[in-house]
Amino acid sequence: MIPLIPSVEFDAALVRKLNKMGPRYTSYPTADRFTGDFGVGDYRAAVARLDAAGEQAPLSLYVHIPFCESLCYYCGCNKIITQDKSKSTEYLGYLSREIALQADVLGGRRKVDQLHFGGGTPTYLSDAQMDGLLGQLRARFDFAADEAGEFSIEVDPRTVTPERIATLRRQGFNRISLGIQDFDTAVQKAVNRIQSYEQTMDVLNAARACGFRSISVDLIYGLPLQSATSFAPTLDKVIAARPDRIAVYNYAHMPQLFKAQRLIREEELPDPEAKLDMLGLCIERLTAAGYVYIGMDHFALPQDDLARSQHEGRLQRNFQGYSTHADAPMVALGVSAISAVGDTYSQNEKSLTAYYERLDRGELPIARGITLSQDDILRRMVIGRLMCNFILDFDGLPMPQGVTAAEYFAADLERLKPLEEEHLLCLGSRGVRVKMRGRLLIRNICMAFDRYLHAPRQEGPQPARYSKTI
């Protein structure tokens, strides 16, 4: 059991002062640095380099199912709203081709110890379709045993029954994530997501009864008509349900990027002070209830694998957020999905039309990506350790011959000094330690090490594609 000690400190004035636009660092370099110059040949070369190095590490697979039956106005995911089930049948046919192509490139029946189905709504697929898809994956890859692997799926409680949850467990999923956002009916109407507490609890209790090893729920603060007063009952209900993990996301209103958000009435959005009140309430209630602050938006019970991994210094981060297996090469399947293999990131075509056209030509549907430089790899390690463990030990970094970390990162450490003066962190000769009051602002701290943000061509205001750091 991890000791129940304070894991984060909330200072509203400090957040108000330092909150600004910045990356979430699910990767470094971030996805906006990917280019169309990267192609299938670069991806194959990355796999070849892994093979040449004798690396046969287990894989992490991500499968993107883009379909939803209805539109949630706040959503910024790559999704397709349709009730025409024939579209999923066509999609699965093409997904099958991609699975076969990836398996051929990777060679042999690679071990898989992590699988994540995201969307969209993965349970848009029928039981039979899910059986068929999982069967194809198992035919091409060697999955770890249930007790050793982490096999997760995102579920919309409005679209499944307790019986469907039992089927998902039988199909091999052992972790489940439920979207809640807010139980307040006025807020639900404002974002076009009507979901009762009873409906949600039926699904959560079914997952627990069926033996899912970890149950996670997603909440969002900053939605229209929300306030700390209105959000408190949702927090109470979630805490009483005692899920293993809770993600509390800050709603980023970017209608210029996400068309669905244009359906939200901006005059109903809470102002920055109201959002700060909600954030403070979440931190207060969740930590008082025994949840450990993992980082960013995530909380977990002390016995959960995320909390244990962080306590033991094993926590990782990838495109799905915090993970216990993110050091494994991640092969992503489906439209818009992003892979992280060796020293590369690669993203599939974002539209179904382009995705299908590439597969019709017998090609992997890679649209863009990046091959990391040695500097990228080193900075990815630095940012990852800060994001996951809040500590950077210079002695543990693979520095170039004859160069110390203090010398290499001199400009970056200089950028951290104003944050040290705010008592967010401690700078020392051996590294960086983030204080409790700095943990909420970890994105600000990591931005100091982001070479792309500080390159001359990036001077000026931060791009609108980034959300606020808090």
Protein backbone atom coordinates (compact mmCIF):
# COMPACT_ATOMS: atom_id res chain seq x y z
CA MET A 1 0.00 0.00 0.00
CA ILE A 2 1.33 3.43 -0.93
CA PRO A 3 1.47 5.85 2.00
CA LEU A 4 -1.38 8.37 2.00
CA ILE A 5 0.62 11.59 1.87
CA PRO A 6 -0.33 14.85 0.18
CA SER A 7 0.34 14.42 -3.54
CA VAL A 8 -0.50 17.89 -4.86
CA GLU A 9 -1.03 21.43 -3.59
CA PHE A 10 -3.61 23.78 -5.06
CA ASP A 11 -2.84 27.51 -5.09
CA ALA A 12 -5.51 29.39 -7.03
CA ALA A 13 -3.51 32.62 -7.22
CA LEU A 14 -0.49 30.79 -8.60
CA VAL A 15 -2.55 28.96 -11.23
CA ARG A 16 -4.25 32.22 -12.17
CA LYS A 17 -0.84 33.87 -12.63
CA LEU A 18 0.94 31.13 -14.60
CA ASN A 19 -1.84 29.48 -16.61
CA LYS A 20 -1.09 29.70 -20.34
CA MET A 21 -1.32 27.75 -23.58
CA GLY A 22 0.90 24.70 -23.85
CA PRO A 23 1.23 21.08 -25.01
CA ARG A 24 -0.07 18.11 -23.04
CA TYR A 25 3.08 16.09 -23.86
CA THR A 26 1.51 12.77 -24.72
CA SER A 27 4.54 12.74 -27.01
CA TYR A 28 7.69 14.71 -27.58
CA PRO A 29 8.03 16.13 -30.14
CA THR A 30 4.32 16.90 -30.06
CA ALA A 31 2.01 15.84 -32.91
CA ASP A 32 1.92 19.33 -34.42
CA ARG A 33 5.61 18.79 -35.32
CA PHE A 34 4.85 15.76 -37.51
CA THR A 35 5.37 16.33 -41.25
CA GLY A 36 4.17 14.77 -44.49
CA ASP A 37 7.80 14.08 -45.44
CA PHE A 38 7.66 11.02 -43.18
CA GLY A 39 6.25 7.94 -44.94
CA VAL A 40 5.93 4.18 -44.95
CA GLY A 41 9.60 3.74 -45.79
CA ASP A 42 10.61 5.66 -42.67
CA TYR A 43 8.32 3.50 -40.55
CA ARG A 44 9.76 0.29 -42.01
CA ALA A 45 13.26 1.60 -41.35
CA ALA A 46 12.36 2.24 -37.70
CA VAL A 47 11.16 -1.35 -37.30
CA ALA A 48 14.35 -2.59 -38.98
CA ARG A 49 16.47 -0.58 -36.55
CA LEU A 50 14.65 -2.19 -33.62
CA ASP A 51 15.23 -5.63 -35.10
CA ALA A 52 18.91 -4.88 -35.78
CA ALA A 53 19.33 -3.82 -32.15
CA GLY A 54 17.87 -7.16 -31.08
CA GLU A 55 14.87 -5.50 -29.45
CA GLN A 56 11.90 -7.83 -29.32
CA ALA A 57 10.07 -5.97 -26.57
CA PRO A 58 6.36 -6.68 -26.18
CA LEU A 59 4.09 -4.40 -28.16
CA SER A 60 1.31 -2.08 -27.14
CA LEU A 61 -1.59 -2.05 -29.62
CA TYR A 62 -4.09 0.77 -30.02
CA VAL A 63 -7.26 0.28 -32.10
CA HIS A 64 -9.31 3.32 -33.11
CA ILE A 65 -13.04 2.82 -33.67
CA PRO A 66 -14.27 6.23 -34.90
CA PHE A 67 -18.05 5.75 -34.88
CA CYS A 68 -20.60 7.26 -32.48
CA GLU A 69 -24.39 7.15 -32.62
CA SER A 70 -24.81 10.72 -31.36
CA LEU A 71 -22.74 13.88 -31.07
CA CYS A 72 -21.41 15.19 -27.76
CA TYR A 73 -20.87 18.89 -28.37
CA TYR A 74 -17.66 19.15 -26.29
CA CYS A 75 -15.85 16.31 -28.07
CA GLY A 76 -12.55 16.96 -29.84
CA CYS A 77 -11.87 13.36 -30.87
CA ASN A 78 -11.69 12.07 -34.42
CA LYS A 79 -15.16 10.59 -34.78
CA ILE A 80 -17.92 9.88 -37.28
CA ILE A 81 -21.53 10.34 -36.18
CA THR A 82 -23.78 7.78 -37.83
CA GLN A 83 -26.42 5.19 -37.06
CA ASP A 84 -25.70 3.37 -40.32
CA LYS A 85 -24.12 0.17 -39.02
CA SER A 86 -22.96 -0.83 -42.52
CA LYS A 87 -20.24 1.79 -42.16
CA SER A 88 -18.61 -0.17 -39.34
CA THR A 89 -18.72 -3.34 -41.45
CA GLU A 90 -16.83 -1.58 -44.24
CA TYR A 91 -14.38 -0.07 -41.77
CA LEU A 92 -13.60 -3.44 -40.19
CA GLY A 93 -12.81 -4.85 -43.62
CA TYR A 94 -10.16 -2.19 -44.13
CA LEU A 95 -8.92 -2.48 -40.56
CA SER A 96 -8.34 -6.17 -41.24
CA ARG A 97 -6.09 -5.24 -44.15
CA GLU A 98 -4.09 -2.86 -41.98
CA ILE A 99 -3.66 -5.51 -39.28
CA ALA A 100 -2.25 -7.90 -41.88
CA LEU A 101 0.11 -5.28 -43.31
CA GLN A 102 1.39 -4.29 -39.87
CA ALA A 103 1.93 -7.91 -38.86
CA ASP A 104 3.96 -8.48 -42.03
CA VAL A 105 6.15 -5.44 -41.36
CA LEU A 106 6.68 -6.38 -37.73
CA GLY A 107 7.40 -10.00 -38.60
CA GLY A 108 6.35 -13.09 -36.67
CA ARG A 109 3.83 -13.30 -33.84
CA ARG A 110 5.00 -10.45 -31.67
CA LYS A 111 4.05 -10.49 -28.00
CA VAL A 112 1.39 -7.97 -26.98
CA ASP A 113 1.08 -7.03 -23.32
CA GLN A 114 -1.10 -3.93 -23.74
CA LEU A 115 -4.20 -3.35 -25.87
CA HIS A 116 -6.43 -0.28 -25.88
CA PHE A 117 -9.63 0.26 -27.83
CA GLY A 118 -10.51 3.95 -28.17
CA GLY A 119 -12.80 6.11 -30.21
CA GLY A 120 -15.31 7.29 -31.05
CA THR A 121 -17.23 4.58 -29.26
CA PRO A 122 -15.60 1.14 -29.47
CA THR A 123 -18.81 -0.53 -28.33
CA TYR A 124 -20.47 0.83 -31.48
CA LEU A 125 -19.31 -2.57 -32.78
CA SER A 126 -21.62 -5.52 -32.19
CA ASP A 127 -20.53 -8.49 -30.08
CA ALA A 128 -19.94 -10.50 -33.25
CA GLN A 129 -17.88 -7.74 -34.84
CA MET A 130 -15.79 -7.39 -31.70
CA ASP A 131 -15.23 -11.16 -31.59
CA GLY A 132 -14.11 -11.11 -35.21
CA LEU A 133 -11.73 -8.18 -34.75
CA LEU A 134 -10.17 -9.62 -31.61
CA GLY A 135 -9.83 -12.98 -33.36
CA GLN A 136 -7.85 -11.36 -36.18
CA LEU A 137 -5.56 -9.63 -33.70
CA ARG A 138 -4.93 -12.84 -31.78
CA ALA A 139 -4.20 -14.71 -35.01
CA ARG A 140 -1.48 -12.20 -35.90
CA PHE A 141 -0.08 -11.42 -32.44
CA ASP A 142 0.74 -13.40 -29.29
CA PHE A 143 -1.20 -11.85 -26.42
CA ALA A 144 0.05 -12.00 -22.83
CA ALA A 145 -2.01 -13.92 -20.31
CA ASP A 146 -4.93 -12.09 -18.71
CA GLU A 147 -3.18 -11.73 -15.36
CA ALA A 148 -0.07 -10.20 -16.99
CA GLY A 149 -1.50 -8.03 -19.77
CA GLU A 150 -3.41 -4.77 -19.68
CA PHE A 151 -6.33 -4.89 -22.12
CA SER A 152 -8.61 -1.87 -21.92
CA ILE A 153 -11.63 -0.43 -23.66
CA GLU A 154 -13.47 2.89 -23.54
CA VAL A 155 -17.22 2.55 -22.97
CA ASP A 156 -20.14 4.94 -23.29
CA PRO A 157 -22.54 3.76 -20.54
CA ARG A 158 -25.48 4.92 -22.65
CA THR A 159 -24.73 2.29 -25.28
CA VAL A 160 -24.11 -0.87 -23.26
CA THR A 161 -25.95 -3.13 -20.83
CA PRO A 162 -24.57 -5.11 -17.90
CA GLU A 163 -24.79 -8.15 -20.18
CA ARG A 164 -22.56 -6.43 -22.74
CA ILE A 165 -20.03 -5.69 -19.99
CA ALA A 166 -19.92 -9.40 -19.15
CA THR A 167 -19.31 -10.15 -22.83
CA LEU A 168 -16.44 -7.65 -22.99
CA ARG A 169 -14.81 -9.38 -20.04
CA ARG A 170 -15.24 -12.75 -21.75
CA GLN A 171 -13.68 -11.30 -24.88
CA GLY A 172 -10.51 -10.57 -22.90
CA PHE A 173 -10.77 -6.96 -21.75
CA ASN A 174 -9.66 -6.55 -18.14
CA ARG A 175 -9.71 -2.75 -17.78
CA ILE A 176 -12.55 -0.41 -18.60
CA SER A 177 -13.02 3.35 -18.85
CA LEU A 178 -16.46 4.94 -18.52
CA GLY A 179 -17.35 8.40 -19.78
CA ILE A 180 -19.45 10.36 -17.28
CA GLN A 181 -18.46 14.05 -17.62
CA ASP A 182 -21.24 15.38 -15.29
CA PHE A 183 -24.46 13.97 -13.82
CA ASP A 184 -26.16 17.37 -13.73
CA THR A 185 -29.12 17.18 -16.13
CA ALA A 186 -28.90 20.84 -17.23
CA VAL A 187 -25.24 20.41 -18.15
CA GLN A 188 -26.01 17.16 -19.96
CA LYS A 189 -28.66 18.86 -22.08
CA ALA A 190 -26.29 21.73 -22.88
CA VAL A 191 -23.70 19.31 -24.31
CA ASN A 192 -26.17 16.81 -25.83
CA ARG A 193 -25.19 13.90 -23.62
CA ILE A 194 -28.11 12.63 -21.52
CA GLN A 195 -26.86 9.91 -19.19
CA SER A 196 -28.49 8.93 -15.92
CA TYR A 197 -26.68 8.11 -12.72
CA GLU A 198 -28.57 4.80 -12.50
CA GLN A 199 -27.55 3.80 -16.03
CA THR A 200 -23.92 4.58 -15.30
CA MET A 201 -23.87 2.74 -11.98
CA ASP A 202 -25.42 -0.35 -13.56
CA VAL A 203 -22.48 -0.49 -15.96
CA LEU A 204 -19.85 0.28 -13.30
CA ASN A 205 -21.22 -2.32 -10.90
CA ALA A 206 -21.38 -4.87 -13.70
CA ALA A 207 -17.72 -4.24 -14.51
CA ARG A 208 -16.82 -4.78 -10.89
CA ALA A 209 -18.91 -7.96 -10.66
CA CYS A 210 -17.34 -9.34 -13.85
CA GLY A 211 -13.82 -8.97 -12.49
CA PHE A 212 -12.39 -6.03 -14.42
CA ARG A 213 -9.08 -5.28 -12.73
CA SER A 214 -9.34 -1.53 -13.07
CA ILE A 215 -12.34 0.74 -13.57
CA SER A 216 -11.74 4.33 -14.65
CA VAL A 217 -14.21 7.18 -15.06
CA ASP A 218 -13.87 10.45 -16.95
CA LEU A 219 -15.20 13.78 -15.71
CA ILE A 220 -15.01 17.22 -17.33
CA TYR A 221 -15.09 20.61 -15.63
CA GLY A 222 -15.61 23.85 -17.51
CA LEU A 223 -18.69 22.72 -19.45
CA PRO A 224 -21.65 25.08 -19.98
CA LEU A 225 -23.79 25.80 -16.90
CA GLN A 226 -21.29 24.17 -14.55
CA SER A 227 -20.20 25.64 -11.22
CA ALA A 228 -18.50 24.28 -8.14
CA THR A 229 -21.92 24.05 -6.51
CA SER A 230 -23.48 22.13 -9.39
CA PHE A 231 -20.45 19.85 -9.85
CA ALA A 232 -20.13 18.84 -6.20
CA PRO A 233 -22.96 16.24 -6.28
CA THR A 234 -21.32 14.53 -9.27
CA LEU A 235 -18.04 14.32 -7.34
CA ASP A 236 -19.88 12.91 -4.33
CA LYS A 237 -21.52 10.20 -6.42
CA VAL A 238 -18.28 9.26 -8.17
CA ILE A 239 -16.32 9.10 -4.92
CA ALA A 240 -19.03 6.90 -3.39
CA ALA A 241 -18.78 4.55 -6.39
CA ARG A 242 -15.02 4.23 -5.70
CA PRO A 243 -13.61 3.65 -9.21
CA ASP A 244 -9.92 2.76 -9.32
CA ARG A 245 -9.03 5.76 -11.45
CA ILE A 246 -10.62 9.15 -12.06
CA ALA A 247 -9.68 11.51 -14.86
CA VAL A 248 -10.88 15.10 -14.39
CA TYR A 249 -10.37 16.96 -17.66
CA ASN A 250 -10.44 20.71 -18.16
CA TYR A 251 -12.77 21.47 -21.06
CA ALA A 252 -10.84 23.35 -23.74
CA HIS A 253 -13.23 25.40 -25.85
CA MET A 254 -11.63 25.57 -29.31
CA PRO A 255 -14.49 25.85 -31.81
CA GLN A 256 -12.03 27.00 -34.47
CA LEU A 257 -10.60 23.47 -34.41
CA PHE A 258 -13.60 21.34 -33.44
CA LYS A 259 -16.83 22.06 -35.30
CA ALA A 260 -19.01 20.27 -32.74
CA GLN A 261 -18.02 22.84 -30.11
CA ARG A 262 -19.69 25.57 -32.17
CA LEU A 263 -22.99 24.12 -30.94
CA ILE A 264 -22.13 25.15 -27.38
CA ARG A 265 -23.46 28.51 -26.26
CA GLU A 266 -20.38 30.42 -25.22
CA GLU A 267 -22.36 32.68 -22.88
CA GLU A 268 -23.15 29.56 -20.80
CA LEU A 269 -19.51 28.62 -20.28
CA PRO A 270 -18.13 29.21 -16.75
CA ASP A 271 -15.58 32.00 -16.46
CA PRO A 272 -11.94 31.29 -15.49
CA GLU A 273 -12.60 31.92 -11.80
CA ALA A 274 -15.48 29.43 -11.74
CA LYS A 275 -13.26 26.86 -13.44
CA LEU A 276 -10.56 27.43 -10.82
CA ASP A 277 -13.15 26.88 -8.10
CA MET A 278 -14.14 23.57 -9.69
CA LEU A 279 -10.53 22.47 -10.02
CA GLY A 280 -9.86 23.28 -6.39
CA LEU A 281 -12.99 21.39 -5.36
CA CYS A 282 -11.93 18.30 -7.35
CA ILE A 283 -8.47 18.24 -5.82
CA GLU A 284 -9.81 18.79 -2.31
CA ARG A 285 -12.53 16.14 -2.52
CA LEU A 286 -10.52 13.47 -4.33
CA THR A 287 -7.39 13.70 -2.21
CA ALA A 288 -9.50 13.77 0.96
CA ALA A 289 -11.16 10.57 -0.28
CA GLY A 290 -7.77 8.86 -0.53
CA TYR A 291 -7.01 9.25 -4.22
CA VAL A 292 -3.40 9.87 -5.25
CA TYR A 293 -2.71 12.68 -7.70
CA ILE A 294 -0.85 10.99 -10.56
CA GLY A 295 -0.35 14.07 -12.68
CA MET A 296 -2.12 16.26 -15.22
CA ASP A 297 -5.80 15.31 -14.85
CA HIS A 298 -5.42 11.85 -13.30
CA PHE A 299 -6.12 10.43 -9.84
CA ALA A 300 -5.90 6.81 -8.70
CA LEU A 301 -6.46 4.76 -5.58
CA PRO A 302 -3.19 3.88 -3.83
CA GLN A 303 -3.45 0.19 -4.73
CA ASP A 304 -4.04 0.84 -8.44
CA ASP A 305 -1.22 0.00 -10.86
CA LEU A 306 -0.84 3.66 -11.88
CA ALA A 307 -0.18 4.77 -8.33
CA ARG A 308 2.11 1.81 -7.65
CA SER A 309 4.08 2.43 -10.86
CA GLN A 310 4.55 6.09 -10.00
CA HIS A 311 5.61 5.23 -6.45
CA GLU A 312 8.19 2.78 -7.86
CA GLY A 313 9.40 5.15 -10.60
CA ARG A 314 8.01 2.98 -13.43
CA LEU A 315 5.21 5.24 -14.68
CA GLN A 316 5.23 6.09 -18.39
CA ARG A 317 3.21 8.33 -20.69
CA ASN A 318 1.84 7.84 -24.21
CA PHE A 319 -0.99 9.03 -26.47
CA GLN A 320 -3.58 7.47 -24.16
CA GLY A 321 -2.16 9.30 -21.15
CA TYR A 322 -0.39 7.73 -18.17
CA SER A 323 0.49 4.06 -18.55
CA THR A 324 2.42 1.23 -16.95
CA HIS A 325 3.53 -0.15 -20.35
CA ALA A 326 4.25 2.97 -22.42
CA ASP A 327 7.91 2.06 -22.91
CA ALA A 328 6.77 -0.68 -25.29
CA PRO A 329 6.60 0.12 -29.01
CA MET A 330 3.03 1.22 -29.70
CA VAL A 331 1.43 0.16 -32.98
CA ALA A 332 -1.77 2.09 -33.65
CA LEU A 333 -4.45 0.79 -36.00
CA GLY A 334 -7.31 2.67 -37.63
CA VAL A 335 -8.06 6.07 -39.08
CA SER A 336 -6.01 8.94 -37.54
CA ALA A 337 -4.26 6.59 -35.06
CA ILE A 338 -0.70 7.47 -33.96
CA SER A 339 2.07 4.88 -33.54
CA ALA A 340 5.26 5.29 -31.52
CA VAL A 341 7.84 2.77 -32.75
CA GLY A 342 11.52 3.09 -31.93
CA ASP A 343 12.73 6.59 -32.68
CA THR A 344 9.66 7.54 -34.73
CA TYR A 345 6.06 8.68 -34.46
CA SER A 346 3.67 8.07 -37.35
CA GLN A 347 0.04 9.01 -37.87
CA ASN A 348 -2.49 7.35 -40.15
CA GLU A 349 -4.66 9.23 -42.64
CA LYS A 350 -7.29 11.31 -40.82
CA SER A 351 -10.22 10.82 -43.22
CA LEU A 352 -11.91 7.52 -44.03
CA THR A 353 -11.63 8.23 -47.76
CA ALA A 354 -7.85 8.69 -47.63
CA TYR A 355 -7.44 5.78 -45.20
CA TYR A 356 -9.40 3.45 -47.51
CA GLU A 357 -7.57 4.63 -50.65
CA ARG A 358 -4.16 3.85 -49.16
CA LEU A 359 -5.24 0.37 -48.10
CA ASP A 360 -6.82 -0.26 -51.51
CA ARG A 361 -3.32 0.29 -52.92
CA GLY A 362 -1.92 -2.26 -50.47
CA GLU A 363 -0.06 0.38 -48.45
CA LEU A 364 0.11 1.15 -44.78
CA PRO A 365 -2.06 4.29 -44.42
CA ILE A 366 0.67 6.46 -42.86
CA ALA A 367 0.10 10.13 -43.68
CA ARG A 368 2.76 11.91 -41.64
CA GLY A 369 5.20 11.50 -38.79
CA ILE A 370 8.69 12.29 -37.56
CA THR A 371 12.03 10.56 -36.99
CA LEU A 372 13.50 11.78 -33.72
CA SER A 373 16.97 13.26 -33.49
CA GLN A 374 19.26 12.38 -30.59
CA ASP A 375 18.28 15.70 -29.03
CA ASP A 376 14.58 14.80 -29.39
CA ILE A 377 15.16 11.44 -27.72
CA LEU A 378 17.02 13.02 -24.80
CA ARG A 379 14.39 15.72 -24.30
CA ARG A 380 11.60 13.15 -24.57
CA MET A 381 13.24 11.31 -21.68
CA VAL A 382 13.56 14.53 -19.62
CA ILE A 383 9.95 15.58 -20.19
CA GLY A 384 8.65 12.06 -19.58
CA ARG A 385 10.41 11.77 -16.24
CA LEU A 386 9.15 15.14 -15.08
CA MET A 387 5.58 14.40 -16.20
CA CYS A 388 5.49 11.01 -14.52
CA ASN A 389 7.73 11.25 -11.47
CA PHE A 390 8.18 15.00 -10.84
CA ILE A 391 11.92 14.41 -10.50
CA LEU A 392 14.75 14.76 -13.01
CA ASP A 393 18.03 13.11 -12.00
CA PHE A 394 20.90 14.33 -14.16
CA ASP A 395 22.98 11.23 -13.38
CA GLY A 396 20.37 9.03 -15.04
CA LEU A 397 20.50 10.79 -18.41
CA PRO A 398 22.50 9.37 -21.36
CA MET A 399 24.38 12.58 -22.13
CA PRO A 400 26.70 13.03 -25.14
CA GLN A 401 30.32 12.20 -24.40
CA GLY A 402 32.09 14.94 -22.51
CA VAL A 403 29.00 17.09 -21.90
CA THR A 404 27.26 17.45 -18.56
CA ALA A 405 23.49 17.82 -18.24
CA ALA A 406 23.95 21.24 -16.64
CA GLU A 407 25.93 22.38 -19.69
CA TYR A 408 23.63 20.81 -22.27
CA PHE A 409 20.46 22.19 -20.70
CA ALA A 410 21.89 25.52 -19.56
CA ALA A 411 19.31 27.61 -21.45
CA ASP A 412 16.46 25.35 -20.33
CA LEU A 413 17.48 25.53 -16.69
CA GLU A 414 17.70 29.30 -16.97
CA ARG A 415 14.07 29.31 -18.15
CA LEU A 416 13.15 27.38 -15.00
CA LYS A 417 14.53 30.00 -12.61
CA PRO A 418 11.37 32.17 -12.58
CA LEU A 419 9.38 29.03 -11.70
CA GLU A 420 11.88 28.26 -8.93
CA GLU A 421 11.30 31.76 -7.60
CA GLU A 422 7.59 30.91 -7.47
CA HIS A 423 8.56 27.87 -5.34
CA LEU A 424 7.32 25.39 -7.95
CA LEU A 425 10.59 23.45 -8.02
CA CYS A 426 14.11 23.13 -6.73
CA LEU A 427 17.11 23.40 -9.05
CA GLY A 428 20.27 21.68 -7.91
CA SER A 429 23.56 20.40 -9.23
CA ARG A 430 22.10 16.89 -9.46
CA GLY A 431 18.78 17.70 -11.11
CA VAL A 432 15.29 19.13 -10.74
CA ARG A 433 12.69 18.33 -8.09
CA VAL A 434 9.12 19.54 -8.54
CA LYS A 435 7.43 20.67 -5.31
CA MET A 436 3.85 19.85 -4.37
CA ARG A 437 2.71 23.32 -5.42
CA GLY A 438 4.38 22.84 -8.80
CA ARG A 439 2.76 19.54 -9.74
CA LEU A 440 -0.39 21.08 -11.16
CA LEU A 441 1.80 23.24 -13.38
CA ILE A 442 4.02 20.42 -14.62
CA ARG A 443 3.24 21.31 -18.25
CA ASN A 444 4.71 24.78 -17.68
CA ILE A 445 7.84 23.20 -16.24
CA CYS A 446 8.22 20.76 -19.13
CA MET A 447 7.80 23.55 -21.67
CA ALA A 448 11.16 24.92 -20.57
CA PHE A 449 12.81 21.85 -22.15
CA ASP A 450 10.78 21.96 -25.39
CA ARG A 451 13.29 23.03 -28.05
CA TYR A 452 10.56 23.55 -30.65
CA LEU A 453 8.69 26.07 -28.52
CA HIS A 454 11.81 28.15 -28.07
CA ALA A 455 13.21 27.98 -31.59
CA PRO A 456 13.34 31.41 -33.31
CA ARG A 457 10.57 30.51 -35.76
CA GLN A 458 8.21 29.83 -32.85
CA GLU A 459 8.49 33.27 -31.25
CA GLY A 460 5.25 35.07 -30.52
CA PRO A 461 1.94 33.88 -29.08
CA GLN A 462 1.39 30.16 -28.60
CA PRO A 463 -0.66 28.55 -31.38
CA ALA A 464 -4.40 28.20 -30.78
CA ARG A 465 -4.05 24.43 -31.18
CA TYR A 466 -2.83 24.20 -27.58
CA SER A 467 -5.08 24.27 -24.55
CA LYS A 468 -4.42 26.07 -21.27
CA THR A 469 -1.96 24.24 -19.03
CA ILE A 470 -4.59 24.23 -16.26
